[in-house]
Amino acid sequence: MTESLRHRIILHAYVTEKSMDEMERQNKLEFVVDKRASRAEIKRAIEDVYQCKVLKITTKIVRLGKVATVRFTKDFSAEDIGSRAGVF
């Protein structure tokens, strides 16, 4: 998968009060992703773009599109990755 395809999978960070709470308490971030992307593709894209390790991914379909909730391993801080993703 090329660099441009990885960036097309991850559209932007999804920021709500709940997602900010999950970032602090559970080391999770939410991203709006391409509706056609599988969990494995999302995981590879997140790990490649943000240079981190993903523990688990859950997805849901909302009015905005497909939202992936990404939980990172303890070695990586969701707050640091969020600042690189433009959450702050």
Protein backbone atom coordinates (compact mmCIF):
# COMPACT_ATOMS: atom_id res chain seq x y z
CA MET A 1 0.00 0.00 0.00
CA THR A 2 1.43 3.34 -0.98
CA GLU A 3 1.74 6.39 1.26
CA SER A 4 -1.10 8.22 -0.50
CA LEU A 5 -3.49 5.28 -0.06
CA ARG A 6 -2.76 5.17 3.66
CA HIS A 7 -3.57 8.86 3.95
CA ARG A 8 -6.82 8.30 2.05
CA ILE A 9 -7.92 5.67 4.58
CA ILE A 10 -7.57 8.09 7.52
CA LEU A 11 -9.66 11.15 6.71
CA HIS A 12 -9.39 13.13 9.98
CA ALA A 13 -9.58 12.89 13.76
CA TYR A 14 -13.06 12.69 15.29
CA VAL A 15 -13.21 14.86 18.40
CA THR A 16 -16.07 14.79 20.90
CA GLU A 17 -16.25 15.10 24.67
CA LYS A 18 -16.45 11.32 24.92
CA SER A 19 -13.44 10.81 22.65
CA MET A 20 -11.39 13.30 24.70
CA ASP A 21 -12.30 11.42 27.89
CA GLU A 22 -11.34 8.09 26.28
CA MET A 23 -8.04 9.59 25.17
CA GLU A 24 -7.12 10.50 28.74
CA ARG A 25 -8.51 7.46 30.55
CA GLN A 26 -8.21 4.57 28.07
CA ASN A 27 -5.45 5.61 25.64
CA LYS A 28 -7.87 5.75 22.67
CA LEU A 29 -8.41 8.07 19.71
CA GLU A 30 -11.19 8.21 17.15
CA PHE A 31 -10.73 8.80 13.43
CA VAL A 32 -13.15 9.21 10.55
CA VAL A 33 -11.96 6.68 7.97
CA ASP A 34 -12.86 5.54 4.47
CA LYS A 35 -16.11 3.55 4.58
CA ARG A 36 -14.60 0.75 2.48
CA ALA A 37 -11.53 0.22 4.69
CA SER A 38 -11.26 -2.94 6.78
CA ARG A 39 -9.97 -3.02 10.35
CA ALA A 40 -6.67 -4.51 9.18
CA GLU A 41 -6.19 -1.73 6.62
CA ILE A 42 -7.02 0.92 9.20
CA LYS A 43 -4.54 -0.61 11.65
CA ARG A 44 -1.73 -0.66 9.07
CA ALA A 45 -2.48 2.93 8.04
CA ILE A 46 -2.50 4.23 11.64
CA GLU A 47 0.72 2.38 12.51
CA ASP A 48 2.50 3.61 9.38
CA VAL A 49 1.36 7.22 9.48
CA TYR A 50 1.81 7.81 13.23
CA GLN A 51 4.70 5.37 13.89
CA CYS A 52 2.95 3.56 16.77
CA LYS A 53 1.49 0.18 17.75
CA VAL A 54 -2.27 -0.39 17.79
CA LEU A 55 -3.76 -2.75 20.38
CA LYS A 56 -7.36 -2.86 19.15
CA ILE A 57 -9.69 -1.22 16.63
CA THR A 58 -13.47 -1.01 16.73
CA THR A 59 -15.55 0.63 14.03
CA LYS A 60 -19.01 2.12 13.80
CA ILE A 61 -21.06 3.73 11.06
CA VAL A 62 -22.46 7.17 11.89
CA ARG A 63 -24.07 9.91 9.83
CA LEU A 64 -20.62 11.41 9.18
CA GLY A 65 -19.28 8.09 7.82
CA LYS A 66 -17.20 5.32 9.36
CA VAL A 67 -15.54 6.06 12.70
CA ALA A 68 -12.68 3.91 13.98
CA THR A 69 -11.87 3.88 17.69
CA VAL A 70 -8.18 3.02 18.03
CA ARG A 71 -6.66 1.80 21.29
CA PHE A 72 -2.88 2.10 21.47
CA THR A 73 -0.42 -0.05 23.41
CA LYS A 74 0.89 1.32 26.70
CA ASP A 75 4.18 2.23 25.01
CA PHE A 76 2.45 5.00 23.03
CA SER A 77 0.43 7.91 24.39
CA ALA A 78 -2.87 8.76 22.68
CA GLU A 79 -2.31 12.39 23.70
CA ASP A 80 1.00 12.55 21.81
CA ILE A 81 -0.48 10.88 18.74
CA GLY A 82 -3.55 13.15 19.00
CA SER A 83 -1.36 16.24 18.93
CA ARG A 84 0.29 14.93 15.73
CA ALA A 85 -3.15 14.15 14.28
CA GLY A 86 -4.39 17.68 14.89
CA VAL A 87 -6.74 17.02 17.79
CA PHE A 88 -5.34 19.94 19.81
